[in-house]
Amino acid sequence: MKNLWAPWRVKYVRYKAIEKQKGCFLCEIPKENKDKENFIVYRSKHVYIVLNIFPYNNGHVLVAPYRHVKYLNELNQEEMLDLMQTVNLVTDALLRAYRPDGFNIGINIGRAAGAGEEHLHVHVVPRWNGDTNFMAVLAETKVIPEGLYETYKNLKKAIEEILSHR
């Protein structure tokens, strides 16, 4: 068997270890008021949009409430409405900025379901026809062509354009 070296993967492993020591990153990063450094592209009253720093595809974001809840039924009506409206906003922004062919939109609740954090969040992942290639199939490696700062800039601009027309 051949080896495919992926030294960048160690960042994720180390990040997860540090994250456990710090507590819930989805609670902490919005408090820091370092939106650009933390890749928070939008804030509403109850939720915010943040780039996934270990994306499946360019534009992969998380929409999370500020309040730490595990289950959807813990959100009040205002928070639930804000969550869904913000998912809709970021979907529109991703269409404008990246023109994907589709989306995966999902919520993993609990570690058994694949949640990396016990803080409710919605994944919005843009998809393109043929966006998996031999690297994913043979090497279990995903190629992400655009850097996070570029994605941050493009998505933030698209959200601002959409909101300016409302």
N, C-alpha and C. Protein backbone atom coordinates (compact mmCIF):
# COMPACT_ATOMS: atom_id res chain seq x y z
N MET A 1 0.84 -1.18 0.00
CA MET A 1 0.00 0.00 0.00
C MET A 1 0.89 1.24 0.00
N LYS A 2 0.51 2.24 -0.80
CA LYS A 2 1.25 3.50 -0.85
C LYS A 2 0.72 4.45 0.20
N ASN A 3 1.56 5.36 0.62
CA ASN A 3 1.16 6.40 1.57
C ASN A 3 0.89 7.69 0.83
N LEU A 4 -0.15 8.38 1.25
CA LEU A 4 -0.40 9.74 0.79
C LEU A 4 -0.23 10.63 2.02
N TRP A 5 0.80 11.43 2.01
CA TRP A 5 1.09 12.27 3.17
C TRP A 5 0.15 13.46 3.17
N ALA A 6 -0.47 13.69 4.31
CA ALA A 6 -1.40 14.82 4.48
C ALA A 6 -1.04 15.54 5.78
N PRO A 7 0.09 16.26 5.78
CA PRO A 7 0.54 16.89 7.02
C PRO A 7 -0.42 17.93 7.56
N TRP A 8 -1.26 18.51 6.72
CA TRP A 8 -2.23 19.49 7.17
C TRP A 8 -3.30 18.86 8.06
N ARG A 9 -3.49 17.57 7.96
CA ARG A 9 -4.51 16.87 8.75
C ARG A 9 -4.20 16.92 10.25
N VAL A 10 -2.93 17.02 10.60
CA VAL A 10 -2.56 17.08 12.00
C VAL A 10 -3.14 18.32 12.67
N LYS A 11 -3.36 19.38 11.90
CA LYS A 11 -3.98 20.59 12.45
C LYS A 11 -5.35 20.27 13.05
N TYR A 12 -6.14 19.46 12.34
CA TYR A 12 -7.47 19.08 12.82
C TYR A 12 -7.36 18.27 14.11
N VAL A 13 -6.45 17.32 14.13
CA VAL A 13 -6.29 16.47 15.31
C VAL A 13 -5.88 17.31 16.52
N ARG A 14 -4.92 18.19 16.33
CA ARG A 14 -4.48 19.07 17.43
C ARG A 14 -5.58 20.03 17.84
N TYR A 15 -6.29 20.56 16.86
CA TYR A 15 -7.38 21.50 17.13
C TYR A 15 -8.44 20.84 18.02
N LYS A 16 -8.80 19.61 17.70
CA LYS A 16 -9.83 18.91 18.48
C LYS A 16 -9.35 18.70 19.92
N ALA A 17 -8.07 18.42 20.11
CA ALA A 17 -7.53 18.22 21.47
C ALA A 17 -7.57 19.52 22.26
N ILE A 18 -7.18 20.63 21.64
CA ILE A 18 -7.20 21.93 22.31
C ILE A 18 -8.63 22.36 22.59
N GLU A 19 -9.51 22.11 21.62
CA GLU A 19 -10.92 22.48 21.74
C GLU A 19 -11.56 21.84 22.97
N LYS A 20 -11.24 20.58 23.23
CA LYS A 20 -11.79 19.89 24.40
C LYS A 20 -11.39 20.58 25.69
N GLN A 21 -10.18 21.12 25.72
CA GLN A 21 -9.70 21.82 26.92
C GLN A 21 -10.39 23.17 27.09
N LYS A 22 -10.67 23.85 26.00
CA LYS A 22 -11.25 25.19 26.05
C LYS A 22 -12.75 25.18 26.31
N GLY A 23 -13.44 24.13 25.96
CA GLY A 23 -14.89 24.10 26.05
C GLY A 23 -15.50 24.19 24.67
N CYS A 24 -16.72 24.61 24.58
CA CYS A 24 -17.47 24.65 23.32
C CYS A 24 -17.00 25.79 22.43
N PHE A 25 -16.41 25.45 21.29
CA PHE A 25 -15.92 26.50 20.39
C PHE A 25 -17.06 27.31 19.80
N LEU A 26 -18.24 26.72 19.62
CA LEU A 26 -19.37 27.46 19.06
C LEU A 26 -19.93 28.47 20.06
N CYS A 27 -19.68 28.27 21.34
CA CYS A 27 -20.03 29.27 22.35
C CYS A 27 -18.96 30.34 22.45
N GLU A 28 -17.71 29.94 22.31
CA GLU A 28 -16.59 30.85 22.57
C GLU A 28 -16.29 31.81 21.43
N ILE A 29 -16.26 31.35 20.18
CA ILE A 29 -15.79 32.23 19.11
C ILE A 29 -16.65 33.48 18.89
N PRO A 30 -17.98 33.43 19.05
CA PRO A 30 -18.71 34.69 18.86
C PRO A 30 -18.46 35.70 19.98
N LYS A 31 -18.03 35.24 21.14
CA LYS A 31 -17.73 36.15 22.26
C LYS A 31 -16.42 36.90 22.06
N GLU A 32 -15.55 36.37 21.24
CA GLU A 32 -14.22 36.96 21.06
C GLU A 32 -14.25 38.25 20.24
N ASN A 33 -15.32 38.49 19.48
CA ASN A 33 -15.42 39.67 18.61
C ASN A 33 -14.22 39.80 17.67
N LYS A 34 -13.80 38.67 17.14
CA LYS A 34 -12.74 38.61 16.13
C LYS A 34 -13.33 37.89 14.92
N ASP A 35 -14.34 38.52 14.32
CA ASP A 35 -15.09 37.83 13.28
C ASP A 35 -14.23 37.39 12.10
N LYS A 36 -13.36 38.25 11.62
CA LYS A 36 -12.54 37.87 10.47
C LYS A 36 -11.60 36.72 10.82
N GLU A 37 -10.93 36.80 11.96
CA GLU A 37 -9.99 35.76 12.37
C GLU A 37 -10.70 34.44 12.63
N ASN A 38 -11.94 34.51 13.11
CA ASN A 38 -12.72 33.30 13.41
C ASN A 38 -13.63 32.88 12.26
N PHE A 39 -13.59 33.62 11.16
CA PHE A 39 -14.36 33.33 9.94
C PHE A 39 -15.87 33.40 10.17
N ILE A 40 -16.32 34.30 11.05
CA ILE A 40 -17.75 34.55 11.21
C ILE A 40 -18.15 35.54 10.13
N VAL A 41 -18.95 35.08 9.18
CA VAL A 41 -19.29 35.92 8.03
C VAL A 41 -20.57 36.72 8.24
N TYR A 42 -21.37 36.34 9.24
CA TYR A 42 -22.63 37.05 9.46
C TYR A 42 -23.12 36.76 10.87
N ARG A 43 -23.73 37.80 11.46
CA ARG A 43 -24.37 37.66 12.78
C ARG A 43 -25.79 38.20 12.68
N SER A 44 -26.72 37.46 13.22
CA SER A 44 -28.09 37.95 13.37
C SER A 44 -28.37 38.04 14.87
N LYS A 45 -29.62 38.24 15.24
CA LYS A 45 -29.95 38.41 16.65
C LYS A 45 -29.68 37.15 17.47
N HIS A 46 -30.00 35.99 16.92
CA HIS A 46 -29.91 34.74 17.70
C HIS A 46 -28.89 33.73 17.19
N VAL A 47 -28.44 33.89 15.95
CA VAL A 47 -27.54 32.91 15.34
C VAL A 47 -26.44 33.61 14.54
N TYR A 48 -25.45 32.83 14.15
CA TYR A 48 -24.38 33.38 13.32
C TYR A 48 -23.94 32.32 12.30
N ILE A 49 -23.26 32.79 11.25
CA ILE A 49 -22.71 31.93 10.21
C ILE A 49 -21.20 31.95 10.33
N VAL A 50 -20.60 30.77 10.39
CA VAL A 50 -19.15 30.66 10.48
C VAL A 50 -18.67 29.63 9.46
N LEU A 51 -17.54 29.92 8.83
CA LEU A 51 -16.96 28.94 7.91
C LEU A 51 -16.49 27.73 8.70
N ASN A 52 -16.71 26.56 8.13
CA ASN A 52 -16.13 25.34 8.70
C ASN A 52 -14.65 25.36 8.34
N ILE A 53 -13.78 25.35 9.34
CA ILE A 53 -12.35 25.45 9.05
C ILE A 53 -11.76 24.12 8.56
N PHE A 54 -12.56 23.08 8.57
CA PHE A 54 -12.18 21.79 7.98
C PHE A 54 -13.28 21.40 6.99
N PRO A 55 -13.41 22.17 5.88
CA PRO A 55 -14.58 22.03 5.01
C PRO A 55 -14.57 20.77 4.14
N TYR A 56 -15.78 20.33 3.80
CA TYR A 56 -15.94 19.28 2.80
C TYR A 56 -15.77 19.86 1.40
N ASN A 57 -16.23 21.09 1.22
CA ASN A 57 -16.12 21.82 -0.04
C ASN A 57 -15.93 23.29 0.28
N ASN A 58 -15.48 24.07 -0.72
CA ASN A 58 -15.45 25.51 -0.54
C ASN A 58 -16.85 26.01 -0.21
N GLY A 59 -16.94 26.92 0.74
CA GLY A 59 -18.22 27.48 1.11
C GLY A 59 -18.95 26.71 2.20
N HIS A 60 -18.38 25.63 2.70
CA HIS A 60 -19.01 24.84 3.77
C HIS A 60 -19.08 25.70 5.03
N VAL A 61 -20.30 25.97 5.48
CA VAL A 61 -20.51 26.81 6.66
C VAL A 61 -21.32 26.08 7.72
N LEU A 62 -21.26 26.65 8.92
CA LEU A 62 -22.10 26.22 10.04
C LEU A 62 -22.97 27.41 10.41
N VAL A 63 -24.24 27.15 10.67
CA VAL A 63 -25.14 28.17 11.21
C VAL A 63 -25.48 27.71 12.61
N ALA A 64 -25.12 28.53 13.60
CA ALA A 64 -25.25 28.10 15.00
C ALA A 64 -25.91 29.18 15.84
N PRO A 65 -26.74 28.77 16.80
CA PRO A 65 -27.27 29.75 17.75
C PRO A 65 -26.18 30.18 18.73
N TYR A 66 -26.31 31.40 19.24
CA TYR A 66 -25.37 31.85 20.27
C TYR A 66 -25.57 31.03 21.54
N ARG A 67 -26.81 30.72 21.83
CA ARG A 67 -27.14 29.99 23.05
C ARG A 67 -26.78 28.51 22.86
N HIS A 68 -26.16 27.93 23.88
CA HIS A 68 -25.74 26.53 23.82
C HIS A 68 -26.95 25.63 24.05
N VAL A 69 -27.39 24.99 22.98
CA VAL A 69 -28.45 23.98 23.07
C VAL A 69 -28.00 22.77 22.27
N LYS A 70 -28.50 21.61 22.64
CA LYS A 70 -28.15 20.39 21.93
C LYS A 70 -29.23 20.01 20.92
N TYR A 71 -30.48 20.23 21.27
CA TYR A 71 -31.60 19.76 20.45
C TYR A 71 -32.40 20.93 19.87
N LEU A 72 -32.99 20.69 18.70
CA LEU A 72 -33.84 21.69 18.07
C LEU A 72 -34.98 22.13 18.98
N ASN A 73 -35.56 21.19 19.73
CA ASN A 73 -36.72 21.53 20.56
C ASN A 73 -36.35 22.41 21.76
N GLU A 74 -35.07 22.69 21.95
CA GLU A 74 -34.65 23.61 23.00
C GLU A 74 -34.64 25.06 22.52
N LEU A 75 -34.75 25.28 21.21
CA LEU A 75 -34.82 26.63 20.68
C LEU A 75 -36.22 27.19 20.89
N ASN A 76 -36.31 28.49 21.18
CA ASN A 76 -37.63 29.11 21.21
C ASN A 76 -38.02 29.47 19.78
N GLN A 77 -39.24 29.96 19.59
CA GLN A 77 -39.73 30.22 18.23
C GLN A 77 -38.90 31.26 17.50
N GLU A 78 -38.49 32.31 18.20
CA GLU A 78 -37.67 33.34 17.57
C GLU A 78 -36.33 32.78 17.10
N GLU A 79 -35.71 31.98 17.94
CA GLU A 79 -34.42 31.38 17.58
C GLU A 79 -34.57 30.42 16.41
N MET A 80 -35.63 29.63 16.42
CA MET A 80 -35.86 28.67 15.33
C MET A 80 -36.07 29.40 14.01
N LEU A 81 -36.89 30.45 14.04
CA LEU A 81 -37.15 31.22 12.83
C LEU A 81 -35.85 31.87 12.33
N ASP A 82 -35.09 32.45 13.23
CA ASP A 82 -33.83 33.08 12.87
C ASP A 82 -32.85 32.06 12.29
N LEU A 83 -32.80 30.88 12.87
CA LEU A 83 -31.93 29.81 12.37
C LEU A 83 -32.29 29.47 10.92
N MET A 84 -33.56 29.24 10.67
CA MET A 84 -33.98 28.83 9.32
C MET A 84 -33.83 29.97 8.32
N GLN A 85 -34.14 31.20 8.73
CA GLN A 85 -33.96 32.34 7.83
C GLN A 85 -32.49 32.55 7.49
N THR A 86 -31.62 32.29 8.45
CA THR A 86 -30.19 32.46 8.22
C THR A 86 -29.65 31.34 7.34
N VAL A 87 -30.16 30.13 7.49
CA VAL A 87 -29.80 29.04 6.57
C VAL A 87 -30.22 29.43 5.15
N ASN A 88 -31.40 29.99 5.01
CA ASN A 88 -31.88 30.44 3.70
C ASN A 88 -30.98 31.55 3.14
N LEU A 89 -30.60 32.51 4.00
CA LEU A 89 -29.72 33.61 3.57
C LEU A 89 -28.38 33.08 3.07
N VAL A 90 -27.76 32.19 3.82
CA VAL A 90 -26.44 31.70 3.41
C VAL A 90 -26.54 30.82 2.16
N THR A 91 -27.64 30.12 2.00
CA THR A 91 -27.84 29.33 0.78
C THR A 91 -27.91 30.27 -0.42
N ASP A 92 -28.68 31.36 -0.29
CA ASP A 92 -28.75 32.36 -1.37
C ASP A 92 -27.38 32.97 -1.65
N ALA A 93 -26.63 33.28 -0.59
CA ALA A 93 -25.30 33.87 -0.75
C ALA A 93 -24.35 32.91 -1.45
N LEU A 94 -24.41 31.64 -1.08
CA LEU A 94 -23.55 30.64 -1.73
C LEU A 94 -23.92 30.48 -3.20
N LEU A 95 -25.20 30.53 -3.52
CA LEU A 95 -25.62 30.48 -4.92
C LEU A 95 -25.05 31.66 -5.69
N ARG A 96 -25.10 32.83 -5.09
CA ARG A 96 -24.60 34.04 -5.73
C ARG A 96 -23.07 33.99 -5.90
N ALA A 97 -22.37 33.57 -4.86
CA ALA A 97 -20.91 33.62 -4.86
C ALA A 97 -20.25 32.45 -5.60
N TYR A 98 -20.89 31.27 -5.56
CA TYR A 98 -20.21 30.06 -6.06
C TYR A 98 -20.99 29.28 -7.12
N ARG A 99 -22.25 29.54 -7.29
CA ARG A 99 -23.08 28.85 -8.27
C ARG A 99 -23.00 27.32 -8.18
N PRO A 100 -23.23 26.76 -6.98
CA PRO A 100 -23.20 25.30 -6.87
C PRO A 100 -24.41 24.68 -7.57
N ASP A 101 -24.32 23.38 -7.85
CA ASP A 101 -25.42 22.65 -8.47
C ASP A 101 -26.42 22.15 -7.44
N GLY A 102 -26.05 22.17 -6.18
CA GLY A 102 -26.94 21.70 -5.11
C GLY A 102 -26.31 21.95 -3.75
N PHE A 103 -26.99 21.45 -2.72
CA PHE A 103 -26.51 21.62 -1.34
C PHE A 103 -26.79 20.37 -0.54
N ASN A 104 -25.93 20.11 0.43
CA ASN A 104 -26.27 19.22 1.54
C ASN A 104 -26.49 20.15 2.72
N ILE A 105 -27.66 20.06 3.33
CA ILE A 105 -27.99 20.86 4.51
C ILE A 105 -28.42 19.87 5.57
N GLY A 106 -27.71 19.89 6.70
CA GLY A 106 -28.03 18.89 7.71
C GLY A 106 -27.60 19.26 9.11
N ILE A 107 -28.18 18.52 10.04
CA ILE A 107 -27.90 18.69 11.46
C ILE A 107 -27.54 17.32 12.02
N ASN A 108 -26.38 17.22 12.64
CA ASN A 108 -25.98 16.00 13.34
C ASN A 108 -26.17 16.27 14.83
N ILE A 109 -27.04 15.51 15.46
CA ILE A 109 -27.33 15.72 16.88
C ILE A 109 -26.77 14.53 17.66
N GLY A 110 -25.81 14.81 18.53
CA GLY A 110 -25.19 13.76 19.33
C GLY A 110 -23.98 13.17 18.67
N ARG A 111 -23.06 12.71 19.48
CA ARG A 111 -21.81 12.13 18.98
C ARG A 111 -22.06 10.91 18.09
N ALA A 112 -23.06 10.10 18.45
CA ALA A 112 -23.37 8.90 17.66
C ALA A 112 -23.81 9.25 16.24
N ALA A 113 -24.36 10.45 16.06
CA ALA A 113 -24.81 10.90 14.74
C ALA A 113 -23.72 11.66 13.99
N GLY A 114 -22.56 11.79 14.61
CA GLY A 114 -21.46 12.46 13.94
C GLY A 114 -21.21 13.89 14.36
N ALA A 115 -21.94 14.37 15.37
CA ALA A 115 -21.72 15.75 15.83
C ALA A 115 -20.36 15.86 16.49
N GLY A 116 -19.57 16.81 16.03
CA GLY A 116 -18.27 17.05 16.64
C GLY A 116 -18.37 17.91 17.87
N GLU A 117 -19.50 18.55 18.05
CA GLU A 117 -19.74 19.43 19.19
C GLU A 117 -21.17 19.25 19.65
N GLU A 118 -21.39 19.28 20.95
CA GLU A 118 -22.74 19.11 21.52
C GLU A 118 -23.50 20.44 21.53
N HIS A 119 -23.24 21.28 20.55
CA HIS A 119 -23.90 22.57 20.39
C HIS A 119 -24.59 22.51 19.03
N LEU A 120 -25.89 22.66 19.02
CA LEU A 120 -26.67 22.57 17.79
C LEU A 120 -26.08 23.47 16.71
N HIS A 121 -25.95 22.95 15.52
CA HIS A 121 -25.53 23.75 14.37
C HIS A 121 -25.97 23.05 13.09
N VAL A 122 -26.20 23.86 12.07
CA VAL A 122 -26.63 23.36 10.76
C VAL A 122 -25.45 23.47 9.81
N HIS A 123 -25.13 22.36 9.16
CA HIS A 123 -24.11 22.37 8.11
C HIS A 123 -24.78 22.75 6.80
N VAL A 124 -24.20 23.67 6.07
CA VAL A 124 -24.63 23.99 4.71
C VAL A 124 -23.40 23.77 3.83
N VAL A 125 -23.50 22.77 2.96
CA VAL A 125 -22.36 22.37 2.13
C VAL A 125 -22.76 22.49 0.66
N PRO A 126 -22.16 23.45 -0.07
CA PRO A 126 -22.44 23.53 -1.50
C PRO A 126 -21.86 22.31 -2.23
N ARG A 127 -22.57 21.86 -3.25
CA ARG A 127 -22.13 20.69 -4.02
C ARG A 127 -22.18 21.01 -5.51
N TRP A 128 -21.26 20.43 -6.24
CA TRP A 128 -21.19 20.57 -7.68
C TRP A 128 -21.20 19.19 -8.31
N ASN A 129 -21.81 19.09 -9.48
CA ASN A 129 -21.78 17.83 -10.21
C ASN A 129 -20.32 17.43 -10.41
N GLY A 130 -19.99 16.22 -10.04
CA GLY A 130 -18.62 15.73 -10.20
C GLY A 130 -17.63 16.29 -9.20
N ASP A 131 -18.11 16.77 -8.04
CA ASP A 131 -17.17 17.39 -7.09
C ASP A 131 -16.35 16.38 -6.29
N THR A 132 -16.56 15.11 -6.53
CA THR A 132 -15.64 14.13 -5.97
C THR A 132 -14.83 13.56 -7.12
N ASN A 133 -13.57 13.29 -6.86
CA ASN A 133 -12.71 12.79 -7.92
C ASN A 133 -11.89 11.62 -7.39
N PHE A 134 -10.89 11.24 -8.10
CA PHE A 134 -10.11 10.07 -7.70
C PHE A 134 -9.44 10.24 -6.34
N MET A 135 -9.11 11.47 -5.95
CA MET A 135 -8.46 11.68 -4.65
C MET A 135 -9.37 11.21 -3.52
N ALA A 136 -10.64 11.56 -3.59
CA ALA A 136 -11.58 11.16 -2.53
C ALA A 136 -11.81 9.65 -2.56
N VAL A 137 -11.89 9.08 -3.74
CA VAL A 137 -12.18 7.66 -3.88
C VAL A 137 -10.97 6.80 -3.52
N LEU A 138 -9.81 7.13 -4.05
CA LEU A 138 -8.63 6.30 -3.85
C LEU A 138 -7.83 6.65 -2.60
N ALA A 139 -7.77 7.93 -2.28
CA ALA A 139 -6.88 8.35 -1.19
C ALA A 139 -7.64 8.89 0.03
N GLU A 140 -8.97 8.87 -0.04
CA GLU A 140 -9.78 9.44 1.04
C GLU A 140 -9.29 10.84 1.40
N THR A 141 -9.01 11.62 0.37
CA THR A 141 -8.50 12.98 0.52
C THR A 141 -9.34 13.91 -0.32
N LYS A 142 -9.74 15.03 0.25
CA LYS A 142 -10.55 16.01 -0.46
C LYS A 142 -9.67 17.20 -0.82
N VAL A 143 -9.73 17.64 -2.05
CA VAL A 143 -8.96 18.80 -2.50
C VAL A 143 -9.87 20.02 -2.41
N ILE A 144 -9.44 21.01 -1.62
CA ILE A 144 -10.20 22.26 -1.46
C ILE A 144 -9.39 23.35 -2.15
N PRO A 145 -9.87 23.88 -3.30
CA PRO A 145 -9.04 24.77 -4.09
C PRO A 145 -8.93 26.21 -3.59
N GLU A 146 -9.84 26.65 -2.73
CA GLU A 146 -9.84 28.05 -2.31
C GLU A 146 -9.54 28.16 -0.82
N GLY A 147 -8.71 29.12 -0.44
CA GLY A 147 -8.37 29.33 0.96
C GLY A 147 -9.53 29.92 1.74
N LEU A 148 -9.50 29.76 3.06
CA LEU A 148 -10.60 30.21 3.91
C LEU A 148 -10.78 31.73 3.88
N TYR A 149 -9.71 32.51 3.83
CA TYR A 149 -9.86 33.97 3.80
C TYR A 149 -10.54 34.43 2.51
N GLU A 150 -10.24 33.76 1.40
CA GLU A 150 -10.90 34.09 0.14
C GLU A 150 -12.39 33.73 0.21
N THR A 151 -12.69 32.57 0.75
CA THR A 151 -14.09 32.16 0.93
C THR A 151 -14.81 33.14 1.84
N TYR A 152 -14.18 33.53 2.94
CA TYR A 152 -14.75 34.51 3.87
C TYR A 152 -15.12 35.79 3.13
N LYS A 153 -14.18 36.32 2.36
CA LYS A 153 -14.39 37.57 1.62
C LYS A 153 -15.55 37.43 0.62
N ASN A 154 -15.55 36.36 -0.15
CA ASN A 154 -16.59 36.16 -1.18
C ASN A 154 -17.97 35.99 -0.56
N LEU A 155 -18.06 35.21 0.50
CA LEU A 155 -19.35 34.94 1.11
C LEU A 155 -19.88 36.17 1.85
N LYS A 156 -19.02 36.87 2.54
CA LYS A 156 -19.42 38.09 3.26
C LYS A 156 -19.96 39.12 2.26
N LYS A 157 -19.29 39.28 1.15
CA LYS A 157 -19.72 40.22 0.11
C LYS A 157 -21.10 39.82 -0.43
N ALA A 158 -21.30 38.55 -0.70
CA ALA A 158 -22.59 38.08 -1.23
C ALA A 158 -23.72 38.31 -0.23
N ILE A 159 -23.46 38.07 1.06
CA ILE A 159 -24.48 38.30 2.09
C ILE A 159 -24.82 39.78 2.16
N GLU A 160 -23.81 40.64 2.14
CA GLU A 160 -24.04 42.09 2.18
C GLU A 160 -24.86 42.55 0.98
N GLU A 161 -24.57 42.01 -0.20
CA GLU A 161 -25.34 42.36 -1.40
C GLU A 161 -26.80 41.95 -1.26
N ILE A 162 -27.04 40.76 -0.77
CA ILE A 162 -28.41 40.28 -0.59
C ILE A 162 -29.15 41.15 0.41
N LEU A 163 -28.53 41.44 1.54
CA LEU A 163 -29.18 42.23 2.58
C LEU A 163 -29.42 43.67 2.15
N SER A 164 -28.59 44.20 1.27
CA SER A 164 -28.78 45.58 0.80
C SER A 164 -30.00 45.72 -0.11
N HIS A 165 -30.50 44.61 -0.63
CA HIS A 165 -31.68 44.63 -1.51
C HIS A 165 -32.95 44.21 -0.80
N ARG A 166 -32.90 44.04 0.50
CA ARG A 166 -34.10 43.63 1.25
C ARG A 166 -34.81 44.83 1.80
